[in-house]
Amino acid sequence: MTASLSILWRSLPLILLAAAWEIAARSGLVSQYLLPPFSDVMATLASMASGDLYYHLMRSIWRGGLAFAGAVVFGVAAGVMIAWYLPVRIVLNPILRCLYPMPKVALIPLIIIWLGIGDASKIALIFIGCLVPIVMSAYNGARGVDHTLLWTARSMGASRLRMLWDVVVPSATPELLNGIRTALALSFILLVSSELIVARSGLGYLIGSLGSNGSYDAMYAVVLTVAFIGFAADRLFQIFQNRMLRWQQ
């Protein structure tokens, strides 16, 4: 019973928001054409679940998942290497500093010119956008390692590679996981943005297509789908993060 009450309490703001949405639409406070009732949106979502929504969802998950996984693998390695090896830092650090403040959506026209409007352009955009925060977090985490730990490991005869694996990587893990979580949220923004602008499939494309056709109840259903998937992905990663950092407690 306690667990059920806890879940209900945490879900209360969402329940109140859904109720306010329903009341505002049904009472005429907001035009139902612009804001369909929440119950109608959920009914439309249920009818779409076994149709085109599943196909477009799988296309988006494939693009976003592939790009995000690649960014994590390459970003962790690059961030640690930049922090640990001076030649690598001299070459890559200026590029990283230039990319960090740049709005990644601004790269969409350039990427389309180079890679076209297929999956490659979306994957490349998400990869670049997620790469920067992961590299920065890995770099800051590796650079922030307590020097006492490094001196102790060196005095015990540890090689440079052994210190990197046994000291630097574990010490950088908390900062690194925060960067990966930021990149995870950013991946959804870039995914929907790229599909919304130029795509023939995916959730972003579906949102734009339904909005253009005036099917606002279906459009809101897809938007809620994106919001739910993003929330679920963040919660799952937070559980994974807490397990990985259990040693901190």
Protein backbone atom coordinates (compact mmCIF):
# COMPACT_ATOMS: atom_id res chain seq x y z
CA MET A 1 0.00 0.00 0.00
CA THR A 2 2.83 2.38 0.84
CA ALA A 3 4.45 1.83 -2.56
CA SER A 4 1.14 2.46 -4.33
CA LEU A 5 0.58 5.67 -2.41
CA SER A 6 4.12 6.80 -3.20
CA ILE A 7 3.59 6.20 -6.94
CA LEU A 8 0.25 8.00 -6.80
CA TRP A 9 1.78 10.96 -4.97
CA ARG A 10 4.60 11.28 -7.49
CA SER A 11 2.13 11.03 -10.38
CA LEU A 12 -0.25 13.61 -8.89
CA PRO A 13 1.13 16.61 -10.87
CA LEU A 14 0.68 14.70 -14.14
CA ILE A 15 -2.83 13.63 -13.15
CA LEU A 16 -3.76 17.23 -12.32
CA LEU A 17 -2.27 18.43 -15.61
CA ALA A 18 -4.29 15.86 -17.57
CA ALA A 19 -7.45 16.85 -15.66
CA ALA A 20 -6.84 20.55 -16.33
CA TRP A 21 -6.27 19.75 -20.01
CA GLU A 22 -9.56 17.82 -20.20
CA ILE A 23 -11.54 20.51 -18.39
CA ALA A 24 -10.09 23.37 -20.46
CA ALA A 25 -11.00 21.61 -23.72
CA ARG A 26 -14.44 20.35 -22.67
CA SER A 27 -15.52 23.64 -21.10
CA GLY A 28 -14.74 25.67 -24.21
CA LEU A 29 -12.00 27.64 -22.48
CA VAL A 30 -9.72 26.50 -25.32
CA SER A 31 -10.88 25.51 -28.77
CA GLN A 32 -11.10 21.73 -29.11
CA TYR A 33 -9.74 22.10 -32.63
CA LEU A 34 -6.49 23.52 -31.27
CA LEU A 35 -6.42 21.49 -28.06
CA PRO A 36 -8.41 18.26 -28.30
CA PRO A 37 -9.58 16.80 -24.98
CA PHE A 38 -7.06 14.58 -23.27
CA SER A 39 -9.43 11.61 -23.38
CA ASP A 40 -9.78 11.96 -27.16
CA VAL A 41 -6.00 12.16 -27.55
CA MET A 42 -5.54 8.98 -25.52
CA ALA A 43 -8.22 7.20 -27.55
CA THR A 44 -6.47 8.25 -30.76
CA LEU A 45 -3.16 7.05 -29.34
CA ALA A 46 -4.66 3.64 -28.61
CA SER A 47 -5.97 3.37 -32.17
CA MET A 48 -2.62 4.42 -33.64
CA ALA A 49 -0.53 2.05 -31.52
CA SER A 50 -1.00 -0.91 -33.84
CA GLY A 51 -0.67 1.11 -37.04
CA ASP A 52 1.78 3.65 -38.42
CA LEU A 53 2.90 4.77 -34.97
CA TYR A 54 4.79 1.55 -34.32
CA TYR A 55 6.68 1.76 -37.62
CA HIS A 56 7.71 5.38 -37.12
CA LEU A 57 8.62 4.68 -33.49
CA MET A 58 10.96 1.87 -34.50
CA ARG A 59 12.60 4.07 -37.14
CA SER A 60 13.25 6.79 -34.57
CA ILE A 61 14.54 4.38 -31.92
CA TRP A 62 16.91 2.80 -34.46
CA ARG A 63 18.36 6.16 -35.51
CA GLY A 64 18.60 7.61 -32.03
CA GLY A 65 19.88 4.43 -30.40
CA LEU A 66 22.62 3.85 -32.95
CA ALA A 67 23.83 7.45 -32.82
CA PHE A 68 23.69 7.64 -29.01
CA ALA A 69 25.56 4.36 -28.53
CA GLY A 70 28.27 5.49 -30.94
CA ALA A 71 28.58 8.83 -29.16
CA VAL A 72 28.97 7.12 -25.77
CA VAL A 73 31.71 4.75 -26.97
CA PHE A 74 33.67 7.33 -28.90
CA GLY A 75 32.99 10.19 -26.46
CA VAL A 76 34.24 8.35 -23.38
CA ALA A 77 37.42 7.25 -25.13
CA ALA A 78 38.06 10.69 -26.63
CA GLY A 79 37.40 12.57 -23.37
CA VAL A 80 39.76 10.42 -21.33
CA MET A 81 42.44 10.53 -24.05
CA ILE A 82 42.21 14.34 -24.27
CA ALA A 83 42.66 14.61 -20.51
CA TRP A 84 45.41 11.98 -20.25
CA TYR A 85 47.59 12.57 -23.31
CA LEU A 86 48.90 16.02 -24.19
CA PRO A 87 49.29 15.47 -27.98
CA VAL A 88 45.66 14.37 -28.23
CA ARG A 89 44.57 17.39 -26.18
CA ILE A 90 46.51 19.78 -28.43
CA VAL A 91 44.79 18.39 -31.54
CA LEU A 92 41.21 17.81 -30.34
CA ASN A 93 40.65 20.39 -27.61
CA PRO A 94 40.26 23.40 -29.98
CA ILE A 95 37.74 21.50 -32.11
CA LEU A 96 35.80 20.55 -29.00
CA ARG A 97 35.76 24.13 -27.73
CA CYS A 98 34.36 25.34 -31.05
CA LEU A 99 31.61 22.72 -31.18
CA TYR A 100 30.51 23.06 -27.55
CA PRO A 101 28.64 26.42 -27.72
CA MET A 102 27.29 25.87 -31.25
CA PRO A 103 23.56 25.04 -31.54
CA LYS A 104 23.68 21.59 -33.10
CA VAL A 105 20.43 22.15 -34.99
CA ALA A 106 22.33 24.72 -37.07
CA LEU A 107 24.31 21.83 -38.55
CA ILE A 108 21.23 20.28 -40.18
CA PRO A 109 21.57 22.10 -43.56
CA LEU A 110 25.28 21.28 -43.76
CA ILE A 111 24.76 17.63 -42.89
CA ILE A 112 21.96 17.34 -45.44
CA ILE A 113 24.26 18.76 -48.13
CA TRP A 114 26.91 16.17 -47.32
CA LEU A 115 24.81 13.12 -46.42
CA GLY A 116 21.41 13.75 -48.00
CA ILE A 117 18.01 13.28 -46.38
CA GLY A 118 18.37 9.61 -45.47
CA ASP A 119 19.11 8.01 -42.13
CA ALA A 120 22.81 8.91 -42.28
CA SER A 121 22.14 12.65 -41.82
CA LYS A 122 19.97 12.12 -38.73
CA ILE A 123 22.40 9.66 -37.19
CA ALA A 124 25.34 12.02 -37.84
CA LEU A 125 23.52 15.00 -36.27
CA ILE A 126 22.55 13.09 -33.13
CA PHE A 127 26.04 11.60 -32.89
CA ILE A 128 27.72 15.03 -33.05
CA GLY A 129 25.23 16.60 -30.65
CA CYS A 130 25.56 13.84 -28.05
CA LEU A 131 29.31 13.55 -28.49
CA VAL A 132 30.19 16.99 -27.15
CA PRO A 133 28.67 16.74 -23.62
CA ILE A 134 30.00 13.20 -23.23
CA VAL A 135 33.52 14.19 -24.23
CA MET A 136 33.40 17.24 -21.95
CA SER A 137 32.18 15.22 -18.97
CA ALA A 138 34.80 12.50 -19.54
CA TYR A 139 37.50 15.15 -19.91
CA ASN A 140 36.47 17.07 -16.78
CA GLY A 141 36.13 13.85 -14.78
CA ALA A 142 39.54 12.57 -15.84
CA ARG A 143 41.22 15.91 -15.23
CA GLY A 144 39.64 16.18 -11.78
CA VAL A 145 41.14 12.98 -10.40
CA ASP A 146 42.74 13.42 -6.99
CA HIS A 147 46.50 13.63 -7.57
CA THR A 148 47.10 11.77 -4.31
CA LEU A 149 45.51 8.69 -5.85
CA LEU A 150 47.76 8.97 -8.89
CA TRP A 151 50.88 9.45 -6.78
CA THR A 152 49.94 6.46 -4.62
CA ALA A 153 49.35 4.25 -7.64
CA ARG A 154 52.64 5.38 -9.20
CA SER A 155 54.54 4.72 -5.99
CA MET A 156 53.15 1.18 -5.96
CA GLY A 157 54.62 0.56 -9.39
CA ALA A 158 51.45 0.89 -11.48
CA SER A 159 52.01 1.54 -15.17
CA ARG A 160 50.45 4.53 -16.90
CA LEU A 161 47.88 2.31 -18.59
CA ARG A 162 47.05 0.59 -15.27
CA MET A 163 46.58 3.97 -13.55
CA LEU A 164 44.28 5.03 -16.38
CA TRP A 165 42.08 1.96 -16.02
CA ASP A 166 42.15 1.48 -12.22
CA VAL A 167 42.25 5.09 -11.01
CA VAL A 168 41.23 7.61 -13.66
CA VAL A 169 38.21 5.83 -15.15
CA PRO A 170 36.52 4.96 -11.80
CA SER A 171 37.17 8.48 -10.46
CA ALA A 172 35.70 10.06 -13.60
CA THR A 173 32.60 7.84 -13.63
CA PRO A 174 30.24 10.17 -11.65
CA GLU A 175 30.99 13.15 -13.89
CA LEU A 176 30.87 10.95 -16.97
CA LEU A 177 27.43 9.51 -16.17
CA ASN A 178 26.03 13.01 -15.68
CA GLY A 179 27.29 13.95 -19.13
CA ILE A 180 25.78 10.83 -20.68
CA ARG A 181 22.43 11.61 -19.07
CA THR A 182 22.54 15.12 -20.51
CA ALA A 183 23.37 13.67 -23.92
CA LEU A 184 20.46 11.24 -23.63
CA ALA A 185 17.99 14.11 -23.25
CA LEU A 186 19.69 16.01 -26.05
CA SER A 187 19.39 13.00 -28.36
CA PHE A 188 15.58 13.21 -28.25
CA ILE A 189 15.65 16.92 -29.07
CA LEU A 190 17.94 16.43 -32.04
CA LEU A 191 16.09 13.33 -33.23
CA VAL A 192 12.68 14.99 -33.35
CA SER A 193 14.10 18.24 -34.74
CA SER A 194 15.92 16.52 -37.60
CA GLU A 195 12.95 14.33 -38.46
CA LEU A 196 10.60 17.29 -38.26
CA ILE A 197 12.66 19.34 -40.72
CA VAL A 198 13.64 16.72 -43.28
CA ALA A 199 12.55 13.08 -43.07
CA ARG A 200 10.12 10.63 -44.56
CA SER A 201 9.69 8.52 -41.44
CA GLY A 202 10.08 8.79 -37.68
CA LEU A 203 8.16 10.42 -34.85
CA GLY A 204 9.29 13.93 -35.79
CA TYR A 205 8.10 13.42 -39.36
CA LEU A 206 4.79 12.06 -38.06
CA ILE A 207 4.27 15.11 -35.83
CA GLY A 208 4.88 17.50 -38.72
CA SER A 209 2.75 15.51 -41.16
CA LEU A 210 -0.24 15.23 -38.80
CA GLY A 211 0.00 18.91 -37.87
CA SER A 212 0.03 19.95 -41.52
CA ASN A 213 -3.07 17.84 -42.19
CA GLY A 214 -4.94 19.30 -39.22
CA SER A 215 -5.08 15.99 -37.33
CA TYR A 216 -4.26 17.63 -34.03
CA ASP A 217 -5.57 14.84 -31.81
CA ALA A 218 -3.18 12.41 -33.51
CA MET A 219 -0.37 14.97 -33.43
CA TYR A 220 -0.77 15.41 -29.67
CA ALA A 221 -0.82 11.62 -29.30
CA VAL A 222 2.59 11.37 -30.98
CA VAL A 223 3.94 14.25 -28.88
CA LEU A 224 2.84 12.43 -25.73
CA THR A 225 4.52 9.28 -27.04
CA VAL A 226 7.81 11.15 -27.42
CA ALA A 227 7.44 12.62 -23.94
CA PHE A 228 6.73 9.22 -22.39
CA ILE A 229 9.66 7.51 -24.14
CA GLY A 230 12.00 10.32 -23.10
CA PHE A 231 10.81 10.11 -19.51
CA ALA A 232 11.13 6.32 -19.44
CA ALA A 233 14.64 6.43 -20.94
CA ASP A 234 15.76 9.00 -18.38
CA ARG A 235 14.32 7.02 -15.46
CA LEU A 236 15.97 3.80 -16.63
CA PHE A 237 19.30 5.52 -16.99
CA GLN A 238 18.91 7.10 -13.55
CA ILE A 239 18.38 3.62 -12.06
CA PHE A 240 21.49 2.40 -13.89
CA GLN A 241 23.42 5.45 -12.69
CA ASN A 242 22.43 4.87 -9.06
CA ARG A 243 23.57 1.25 -9.28
CA MET A 244 26.88 2.23 -10.83
CA LEU A 245 27.52 4.86 -8.15
CA ARG A 246 26.38 2.78 -5.19
CA TRP A 247 29.98 2.70 -3.96
CA GLN A 248 29.84 6.47 -3.32
CA GLN A 249 27.53 5.92 -0.38
